[in-house]
Amino acid sequence: MGRNATGILLIILGLIVLALPLAGLITVSLLTGFALALLGIGLLIFGYNDIKESTALGVIDIVLGIIAIIFGFGFIFSPDLFAFVAGFLIYLAGIFLIIASLIAIFTSKSARWNGVISLIIGLIYLILGYFVSNPFYLGILIGLWLLIVGIITVLQKD
């Protein structure tokens, strides 16, 4: 499939998801859940095999595999969990950006403006995290993302 066809498909999917944001969120949550569950199964298998060579590495793989399977099935059966985790991660990134920006503002004269910009972006992340934790708004953001990527893909030149 050519780039233009892919772009048009993304635009159509974006419009569908914008019209039905919760259906789009459920689809993304299911796909992510299946991918995480498969990743978890793979980590369990590799962890079991790695225990023979390195006990610590094997145990880490097994623990990560169990966590991935739990989140995978959680995403499959609860799109709300997917929205919560997405919102939480964006909140966390915003908090880290704000902390780093405050450090830059108060410790370095040369990086002060970078710190101010990071502070603004961190605050935007906090606001965005609030909206993303709501499944309806996350569905809308997914639709917008598909639409924008589709338009960019169609407009790209070789």
N, C-alpha and C. Protein backbone atom coordinates (compact mmCIF):
# COMPACT_ATOMS: atom_id res chain seq x y z
N MET A 1 0.85 -1.16 0.00
CA MET A 1 0.00 0.00 0.00
C MET A 1 0.89 1.23 0.00
N GLY A 2 0.57 2.17 -0.85
CA GLY A 2 1.38 3.37 -0.98
C GLY A 2 1.16 4.34 0.17
N ARG A 3 2.03 5.33 0.22
CA ARG A 3 1.97 6.31 1.30
C ARG A 3 0.66 7.10 1.27
N ASN A 4 0.21 7.50 0.07
CA ASN A 4 -1.05 8.25 -0.02
C ASN A 4 -2.23 7.42 0.46
N ALA A 5 -2.25 6.15 0.09
CA ALA A 5 -3.33 5.27 0.53
C ALA A 5 -3.31 5.11 2.05
N THR A 6 -2.11 4.98 2.62
CA THR A 6 -1.98 4.89 4.07
C THR A 6 -2.47 6.17 4.73
N GLY A 7 -2.10 7.31 4.17
CA GLY A 7 -2.54 8.59 4.71
C GLY A 7 -4.05 8.75 4.66
N ILE A 8 -4.64 8.35 3.54
CA ILE A 8 -6.10 8.45 3.40
C ILE A 8 -6.78 7.51 4.40
N LEU A 9 -6.23 6.31 4.58
CA LEU A 9 -6.77 5.37 5.56
C LEU A 9 -6.69 5.94 6.98
N LEU A 10 -5.57 6.58 7.30
CA LEU A 10 -5.43 7.20 8.62
C LEU A 10 -6.42 8.35 8.80
N ILE A 11 -6.64 9.13 7.76
CA ILE A 11 -7.61 10.22 7.84
C ILE A 11 -9.01 9.67 8.08
N ILE A 12 -9.38 8.62 7.35
CA ILE A 12 -10.70 8.00 7.52
C ILE A 12 -10.84 7.43 8.94
N LEU A 13 -9.80 6.72 9.41
CA LEU A 13 -9.85 6.19 10.77
C LEU A 13 -9.94 7.31 11.80
N GLY A 14 -9.20 8.38 11.57
CA GLY A 14 -9.26 9.52 12.48
C GLY A 14 -10.66 10.12 12.56
N LEU A 15 -11.31 10.27 11.41
CA LEU A 15 -12.67 10.81 11.40
C LEU A 15 -13.65 9.86 12.10
N ILE A 16 -13.48 8.56 11.88
CA ILE A 16 -14.34 7.57 12.56
C ILE A 16 -14.15 7.65 14.07
N VAL A 17 -12.89 7.70 14.50
CA VAL A 17 -12.61 7.76 15.94
C VAL A 17 -13.10 9.08 16.54
N LEU A 18 -13.00 10.19 15.78
CA LEU A 18 -13.55 11.46 16.28
C LEU A 18 -15.07 11.38 16.41
N ALA A 19 -15.72 10.65 15.52
CA ALA A 19 -17.17 10.50 15.59
C ALA A 19 -17.57 9.56 16.73
N LEU A 20 -16.75 8.54 17.00
CA LEU A 20 -17.02 7.55 18.05
C LEU A 20 -15.79 7.40 18.94
N PRO A 21 -15.49 8.40 19.77
CA PRO A 21 -14.23 8.38 20.52
C PRO A 21 -14.07 7.19 21.48
N LEU A 22 -15.16 6.75 22.10
CA LEU A 22 -15.04 5.62 23.03
C LEU A 22 -14.77 4.32 22.29
N ALA A 23 -15.33 4.17 21.10
CA ALA A 23 -15.05 2.97 20.30
C ALA A 23 -13.59 2.95 19.87
N GLY A 24 -13.05 4.11 19.53
CA GLY A 24 -11.63 4.18 19.17
C GLY A 24 -10.75 3.87 20.36
N LEU A 25 -11.11 4.38 21.53
CA LEU A 25 -10.33 4.10 22.74
C LEU A 25 -10.38 2.61 23.07
N ILE A 26 -11.54 2.00 22.94
CA ILE A 26 -11.65 0.56 23.23
C ILE A 26 -10.76 -0.23 22.29
N THR A 27 -10.73 0.15 21.02
CA THR A 27 -9.88 -0.54 20.05
C THR A 27 -8.41 -0.41 20.41
N VAL A 28 -7.96 0.81 20.73
CA VAL A 28 -6.56 1.03 21.09
C VAL A 28 -6.24 0.28 22.39
N SER A 29 -7.16 0.30 23.34
CA SER A 29 -6.95 -0.39 24.61
C SER A 29 -6.83 -1.90 24.39
N LEU A 30 -7.69 -2.46 23.54
CA LEU A 30 -7.62 -3.90 23.24
C LEU A 30 -6.30 -4.27 22.56
N LEU A 31 -5.92 -3.49 21.54
CA LEU A 31 -4.67 -3.79 20.83
C LEU A 31 -3.46 -3.67 21.77
N THR A 32 -3.44 -2.63 22.60
CA THR A 32 -2.35 -2.46 23.54
C THR A 32 -2.35 -3.59 24.56
N GLY A 33 -3.53 -3.97 25.02
CA GLY A 33 -3.65 -5.06 25.99
C GLY A 33 -3.13 -6.37 25.43
N PHE A 34 -3.52 -6.71 24.19
CA PHE A 34 -3.03 -7.94 23.58
C PHE A 34 -1.51 -7.90 23.40
N ALA A 35 -1.00 -6.75 22.96
CA ALA A 35 0.45 -6.62 22.77
C ALA A 35 1.18 -6.79 24.11
N LEU A 36 0.66 -6.17 25.17
CA LEU A 36 1.29 -6.30 26.49
C LEU A 36 1.21 -7.73 27.01
N ALA A 37 0.07 -8.38 26.80
CA ALA A 37 -0.06 -9.77 27.25
C ALA A 37 0.94 -10.67 26.52
N LEU A 38 1.08 -10.47 25.21
CA LEU A 38 2.05 -11.27 24.46
C LEU A 38 3.48 -10.96 24.90
N LEU A 39 3.76 -9.68 25.16
CA LEU A 39 5.07 -9.30 25.69
C LEU A 39 5.32 -9.99 27.02
N GLY A 40 4.32 -10.01 27.88
CA GLY A 40 4.44 -10.65 29.19
C GLY A 40 4.71 -12.13 29.07
N ILE A 41 4.03 -12.79 28.16
CA ILE A 41 4.26 -14.23 27.95
C ILE A 41 5.69 -14.46 27.46
N GLY A 42 6.13 -13.62 26.52
CA GLY A 42 7.51 -13.74 26.04
C GLY A 42 8.52 -13.52 27.16
N LEU A 43 8.28 -12.52 28.00
CA LEU A 43 9.19 -12.27 29.12
C LEU A 43 9.21 -13.43 30.11
N LEU A 44 8.05 -14.06 30.33
CA LEU A 44 8.02 -15.23 31.21
C LEU A 44 8.85 -16.37 30.64
N ILE A 45 8.71 -16.59 29.35
CA ILE A 45 9.47 -17.67 28.70
C ILE A 45 10.96 -17.38 28.75
N PHE A 46 11.34 -16.14 28.37
CA PHE A 46 12.76 -15.79 28.41
C PHE A 46 13.29 -15.78 29.83
N GLY A 47 12.48 -15.34 30.77
CA GLY A 47 12.90 -15.34 32.17
C GLY A 47 13.17 -16.73 32.69
N TYR A 48 12.31 -17.66 32.32
CA TYR A 48 12.51 -19.05 32.74
C TYR A 48 13.81 -19.60 32.15
N ASN A 49 14.08 -19.27 30.88
CA ASN A 49 15.32 -19.73 30.25
C ASN A 49 16.54 -18.99 30.79
N ASP A 50 16.38 -17.71 31.16
CA ASP A 50 17.51 -16.92 31.66
C ASP A 50 17.92 -17.28 33.08
N ILE A 51 17.02 -17.89 33.83
CA ILE A 51 17.35 -18.25 35.21
C ILE A 51 18.55 -19.18 35.25
N LYS A 52 18.70 -20.02 34.24
CA LYS A 52 19.81 -20.97 34.19
C LYS A 52 21.15 -20.25 34.07
N GLU A 53 21.17 -19.12 33.36
CA GLU A 53 22.41 -18.37 33.17
C GLU A 53 22.61 -17.30 34.24
N SER A 54 21.55 -16.55 34.55
CA SER A 54 21.63 -15.48 35.54
C SER A 54 20.31 -15.43 36.31
N THR A 55 20.39 -15.78 37.57
CA THR A 55 19.18 -15.82 38.38
C THR A 55 18.51 -14.45 38.46
N ALA A 56 19.31 -13.40 38.67
CA ALA A 56 18.75 -12.06 38.80
C ALA A 56 18.04 -11.63 37.52
N LEU A 57 18.68 -11.85 36.38
CA LEU A 57 18.07 -11.48 35.11
C LEU A 57 16.79 -12.27 34.86
N GLY A 58 16.82 -13.54 35.17
CA GLY A 58 15.64 -14.38 35.00
C GLY A 58 14.48 -13.92 35.87
N VAL A 59 14.77 -13.59 37.12
CA VAL A 59 13.72 -13.13 38.03
C VAL A 59 13.15 -11.80 37.57
N ILE A 60 14.02 -10.90 37.12
CA ILE A 60 13.54 -9.61 36.61
C ILE A 60 12.63 -9.82 35.41
N ASP A 61 13.03 -10.68 34.49
CA ASP A 61 12.19 -10.96 33.32
C ASP A 61 10.83 -11.54 33.74
N ILE A 62 10.84 -12.44 34.70
CA ILE A 62 9.59 -13.06 35.15
C ILE A 62 8.69 -12.03 35.83
N VAL A 63 9.26 -11.19 36.69
CA VAL A 63 8.45 -10.16 37.36
C VAL A 63 7.88 -9.18 36.35
N LEU A 64 8.71 -8.73 35.40
CA LEU A 64 8.21 -7.82 34.37
C LEU A 64 7.15 -8.50 33.50
N GLY A 65 7.33 -9.78 33.24
CA GLY A 65 6.34 -10.54 32.47
C GLY A 65 5.00 -10.60 33.18
N ILE A 66 5.03 -10.84 34.48
CA ILE A 66 3.79 -10.89 35.25
C ILE A 66 3.11 -9.53 35.26
N ILE A 67 3.89 -8.47 35.44
CA ILE A 67 3.32 -7.11 35.43
C ILE A 67 2.72 -6.80 34.06
N ALA A 68 3.43 -7.16 32.99
CA ALA A 68 2.92 -6.91 31.63
C ALA A 68 1.63 -7.68 31.38
N ILE A 69 1.55 -8.91 31.84
CA ILE A 69 0.33 -9.71 31.65
C ILE A 69 -0.83 -9.10 32.44
N ILE A 70 -0.57 -8.66 33.67
CA ILE A 70 -1.63 -8.04 34.48
C ILE A 70 -2.16 -6.79 33.79
N PHE A 71 -1.24 -5.91 33.36
CA PHE A 71 -1.68 -4.69 32.67
C PHE A 71 -2.33 -5.02 31.33
N GLY A 72 -1.80 -6.02 30.62
CA GLY A 72 -2.38 -6.41 29.34
C GLY A 72 -3.83 -6.83 29.49
N PHE A 73 -4.10 -7.73 30.43
CA PHE A 73 -5.48 -8.15 30.65
C PHE A 73 -6.33 -7.01 31.22
N GLY A 74 -5.70 -6.16 32.03
CA GLY A 74 -6.43 -4.99 32.54
C GLY A 74 -6.86 -4.07 31.41
N PHE A 75 -5.98 -3.84 30.43
CA PHE A 75 -6.32 -2.99 29.29
C PHE A 75 -7.38 -3.66 28.41
N ILE A 76 -7.31 -4.99 28.28
CA ILE A 76 -8.28 -5.70 27.46
C ILE A 76 -9.68 -5.59 28.06
N PHE A 77 -9.77 -5.74 29.37
CA PHE A 77 -11.09 -5.78 30.01
C PHE A 77 -11.55 -4.44 30.57
N SER A 78 -10.66 -3.44 30.61
CA SER A 78 -11.05 -2.14 31.16
C SER A 78 -10.33 -1.00 30.44
N PRO A 79 -10.97 -0.42 29.43
CA PRO A 79 -10.37 0.74 28.77
C PRO A 79 -10.18 1.92 29.74
N ASP A 80 -10.96 1.95 30.82
CA ASP A 80 -10.77 3.00 31.83
C ASP A 80 -9.38 2.91 32.45
N LEU A 81 -8.89 1.68 32.67
CA LEU A 81 -7.55 1.50 33.20
C LEU A 81 -6.52 2.04 32.22
N PHE A 82 -6.73 1.81 30.93
CA PHE A 82 -5.84 2.33 29.91
C PHE A 82 -5.79 3.85 29.98
N ALA A 83 -6.96 4.49 30.08
CA ALA A 83 -7.02 5.95 30.17
C ALA A 83 -6.34 6.43 31.45
N PHE A 84 -6.56 5.72 32.56
CA PHE A 84 -5.93 6.12 33.83
C PHE A 84 -4.42 6.06 33.72
N VAL A 85 -3.90 4.95 33.18
CA VAL A 85 -2.44 4.78 33.07
C VAL A 85 -1.86 5.82 32.13
N ALA A 86 -2.53 6.08 31.01
CA ALA A 86 -2.04 7.11 30.07
C ALA A 86 -2.02 8.48 30.74
N GLY A 87 -3.08 8.81 31.45
CA GLY A 87 -3.13 10.09 32.16
C GLY A 87 -2.07 10.18 33.24
N PHE A 88 -1.89 9.09 33.98
CA PHE A 88 -0.89 9.06 35.05
C PHE A 88 0.52 9.28 34.50
N LEU A 89 0.83 8.62 33.39
CA LEU A 89 2.17 8.76 32.80
C LEU A 89 2.40 10.18 32.29
N ILE A 90 1.37 10.80 31.76
CA ILE A 90 1.51 12.18 31.29
C ILE A 90 1.67 13.12 32.49
N TYR A 91 0.89 12.89 33.56
CA TYR A 91 1.08 13.66 34.80
C TYR A 91 2.51 13.53 35.30
N LEU A 92 3.00 12.29 35.32
CA LEU A 92 4.36 12.02 35.82
C LEU A 92 5.40 12.76 34.97
N ALA A 93 5.24 12.72 33.66
CA ALA A 93 6.16 13.44 32.78
C ALA A 93 6.08 14.94 33.05
N GLY A 94 4.88 15.45 33.27
CA GLY A 94 4.72 16.88 33.57
C GLY A 94 5.40 17.26 34.88
N ILE A 95 5.27 16.41 35.89
CA ILE A 95 5.91 16.69 37.18
C ILE A 95 7.43 16.69 37.02
N PHE A 96 7.96 15.70 36.29
CA PHE A 96 9.42 15.67 36.05
C PHE A 96 9.88 16.91 35.30
N LEU A 97 9.12 17.33 34.29
CA LEU A 97 9.48 18.54 33.55
C LEU A 97 9.46 19.77 34.44
N ILE A 98 8.48 19.87 35.30
CA ILE A 98 8.40 21.03 36.21
C ILE A 98 9.57 21.03 37.18
N ILE A 99 9.90 19.87 37.74
CA ILE A 99 11.04 19.79 38.67
C ILE A 99 12.33 20.17 37.96
N ALA A 100 12.55 19.59 36.77
CA ALA A 100 13.77 19.90 36.01
C ALA A 100 13.82 21.38 35.63
N SER A 101 12.66 21.95 35.29
CA SER A 101 12.66 23.36 34.89
C SER A 101 12.96 24.27 36.08
N LEU A 102 12.42 23.94 37.24
CA LEU A 102 12.71 24.75 38.42
C LEU A 102 14.19 24.69 38.79
N ILE A 103 14.77 23.52 38.65
CA ILE A 103 16.21 23.38 38.90
C ILE A 103 16.99 24.24 37.92
N ALA A 104 16.61 24.21 36.63
CA ALA A 104 17.30 25.01 35.62
C ALA A 104 17.11 26.50 35.86
N ILE A 105 15.92 26.90 36.26
CA ILE A 105 15.65 28.32 36.49
C ILE A 105 16.49 28.86 37.65
N PHE A 106 16.57 28.09 38.72
CA PHE A 106 17.23 28.61 39.92
C PHE A 106 18.72 28.32 40.03
N THR A 107 19.25 27.46 39.15
CA THR A 107 20.67 27.12 39.28
C THR A 107 21.54 27.60 38.14
N SER A 108 20.97 27.89 37.00
CA SER A 108 21.80 28.22 35.85
C SER A 108 21.27 29.47 35.14
N LYS A 109 22.12 30.44 35.01
CA LYS A 109 21.72 31.65 34.30
C LYS A 109 21.59 31.39 32.80
N SER A 110 22.45 30.54 32.26
CA SER A 110 22.42 30.29 30.82
C SER A 110 21.23 29.43 30.41
N ALA A 111 20.72 28.60 31.32
CA ALA A 111 19.60 27.72 30.98
C ALA A 111 18.27 28.22 31.52
N ARG A 112 18.24 29.47 31.99
CA ARG A 112 17.02 30.00 32.62
C ARG A 112 15.83 29.99 31.67
N TRP A 113 16.01 30.43 30.42
CA TRP A 113 14.89 30.46 29.48
C TRP A 113 14.46 29.06 29.07
N ASN A 114 15.42 28.15 28.99
CA ASN A 114 15.06 26.75 28.74
C ASN A 114 14.20 26.22 29.88
N GLY A 115 14.56 26.63 31.09
CA GLY A 115 13.77 26.22 32.25
C GLY A 115 12.36 26.78 32.21
N VAL A 116 12.22 28.01 31.79
CA VAL A 116 10.89 28.63 31.70
C VAL A 116 10.05 27.89 30.66
N ILE A 117 10.64 27.60 29.52
CA ILE A 117 9.91 26.86 28.48
C ILE A 117 9.54 25.47 28.98
N SER A 118 10.47 24.81 29.67
CA SER A 118 10.16 23.49 30.23
C SER A 118 9.06 23.57 31.27
N LEU A 119 9.04 24.62 32.04
CA LEU A 119 7.99 24.82 33.04
C LEU A 119 6.63 24.95 32.35
N ILE A 120 6.57 25.72 31.29
CA ILE A 120 5.31 25.89 30.56
C ILE A 120 4.87 24.56 29.96
N ILE A 121 5.80 23.83 29.36
CA ILE A 121 5.46 22.53 28.78
C ILE A 121 5.02 21.56 29.87
N GLY A 122 5.67 21.59 31.02
CA GLY A 122 5.27 20.73 32.14
C GLY A 122 3.85 21.03 32.60
N LEU A 123 3.51 22.32 32.67
CA LEU A 123 2.14 22.70 33.05
C LEU A 123 1.13 22.23 32.00
N ILE A 124 1.51 22.33 30.72
CA ILE A 124 0.64 21.83 29.65
C ILE A 124 0.45 20.32 29.80
N TYR A 125 1.52 19.60 30.15
CA TYR A 125 1.42 18.16 30.37
C TYR A 125 0.44 17.85 31.51
N LEU A 126 0.49 18.64 32.58
CA LEU A 126 -0.43 18.40 33.69
C LEU A 126 -1.88 18.60 33.25
N ILE A 127 -2.13 19.65 32.48
CA ILE A 127 -3.48 19.89 31.96
C ILE A 127 -3.89 18.77 31.02
N LEU A 128 -2.98 18.38 30.13
CA LEU A 128 -3.26 17.30 29.18
C LEU A 128 -3.51 15.98 29.91
N GLY A 129 -2.74 15.71 30.97
CA GLY A 129 -2.94 14.50 31.76
C GLY A 129 -4.32 14.44 32.37
N TYR A 130 -4.85 15.60 32.77
CA TYR A 130 -6.21 15.64 33.31
C TYR A 130 -7.21 15.19 32.25
N PHE A 131 -7.06 15.69 31.03
CA PHE A 131 -8.00 15.32 29.97
C PHE A 131 -7.80 13.88 29.51
N VAL A 132 -6.56 13.44 29.44
CA VAL A 132 -6.28 12.09 28.95
C VAL A 132 -6.82 11.03 29.91
N SER A 133 -6.89 11.35 31.19
CA SER A 133 -7.40 10.36 32.15
C SER A 133 -8.90 10.13 31.99
N ASN A 134 -9.57 10.98 31.22
CA ASN A 134 -10.97 10.78 30.89
C ASN A 134 -11.04 10.00 29.57
N PRO A 135 -11.65 8.80 29.56
CA PRO A 135 -11.66 7.98 28.34
C PRO A 135 -12.24 8.68 27.11
N PHE A 136 -13.25 9.51 27.30
CA PHE A 136 -13.85 10.21 26.16
C PHE A 136 -12.84 11.15 25.50
N TYR A 137 -12.17 11.95 26.31
CA TYR A 137 -11.18 12.90 25.76
C TYR A 137 -9.97 12.18 25.18
N LEU A 138 -9.58 11.07 25.80
CA LEU A 138 -8.47 10.29 25.23
C LEU A 138 -8.85 9.76 23.86
N GLY A 139 -10.09 9.31 23.70
CA GLY A 139 -10.55 8.86 22.39
C GLY A 139 -10.50 9.97 21.36
N ILE A 140 -10.88 11.18 21.77
CA ILE A 140 -10.82 12.34 20.86
C ILE A 140 -9.36 12.63 20.48
N LEU A 141 -8.46 12.59 21.47
CA LEU A 141 -7.04 12.83 21.17
C LEU A 141 -6.48 11.77 20.22
N ILE A 142 -6.89 10.53 20.38
CA ILE A 142 -6.45 9.46 19.47
C ILE A 142 -6.96 9.76 18.06
N GLY A 143 -8.22 10.16 17.94
CA GLY A 143 -8.77 10.51 16.63
C GLY A 143 -8.05 11.67 15.99
N LEU A 144 -7.77 12.71 16.78
CA LEU A 144 -7.01 13.85 16.26
C LEU A 144 -5.62 13.44 15.81
N TRP A 145 -4.97 12.59 16.60
CA TRP A 145 -3.64 12.12 16.24
C TRP A 145 -3.68 11.37 14.91
N LEU A 146 -4.65 10.47 14.74
CA LEU A 146 -4.76 9.73 13.48
C LEU A 146 -5.01 10.68 12.31
N LEU A 147 -5.87 11.65 12.52
CA LEU A 147 -6.18 12.62 11.47
C LEU A 147 -4.96 13.44 11.09
N ILE A 148 -4.23 13.95 12.07
CA ILE A 148 -3.04 14.77 11.79
C ILE A 148 -1.96 13.96 11.10
N VAL A 149 -1.71 12.75 11.59
CA VAL A 149 -0.69 11.90 10.96
C VAL A 149 -1.10 11.56 9.53
N GLY A 150 -2.39 11.31 9.32
CA GLY A 150 -2.87 11.03 7.96
C GLY A 150 -2.67 12.20 7.02
N ILE A 151 -2.99 13.40 7.48
CA ILE A 151 -2.82 14.59 6.65
C ILE A 151 -1.35 14.82 6.34
N ILE A 152 -0.49 14.68 7.35
CA ILE A 152 0.95 14.87 7.13
C ILE A 152 1.47 13.83 6.15
N THR A 153 1.00 12.59 6.27
CA THR A 153 1.44 11.53 5.37
C THR A 153 1.03 11.82 3.93
N VAL A 154 -0.17 12.29 3.72
CA VAL A 154 -0.63 12.61 2.36
C VAL A 154 0.14 13.80 1.79
N LEU A 155 0.44 14.80 2.62
CA LEU A 155 1.10 16.01 2.14
C LEU A 155 2.62 15.88 1.98
N GLN A 156 3.21 14.81 2.51
CA GLN A 156 4.66 14.64 2.40
C GLN A 156 5.07 14.46 0.94
N LYS A 157 6.20 15.06 0.63
CA LYS A 157 6.77 14.89 -0.70
C LYS A 157 7.88 13.85 -0.63
N ASP A 158 8.13 13.22 -1.76
CA ASP A 158 9.18 12.19 -1.80
C ASP A 158 10.55 12.75 -1.62
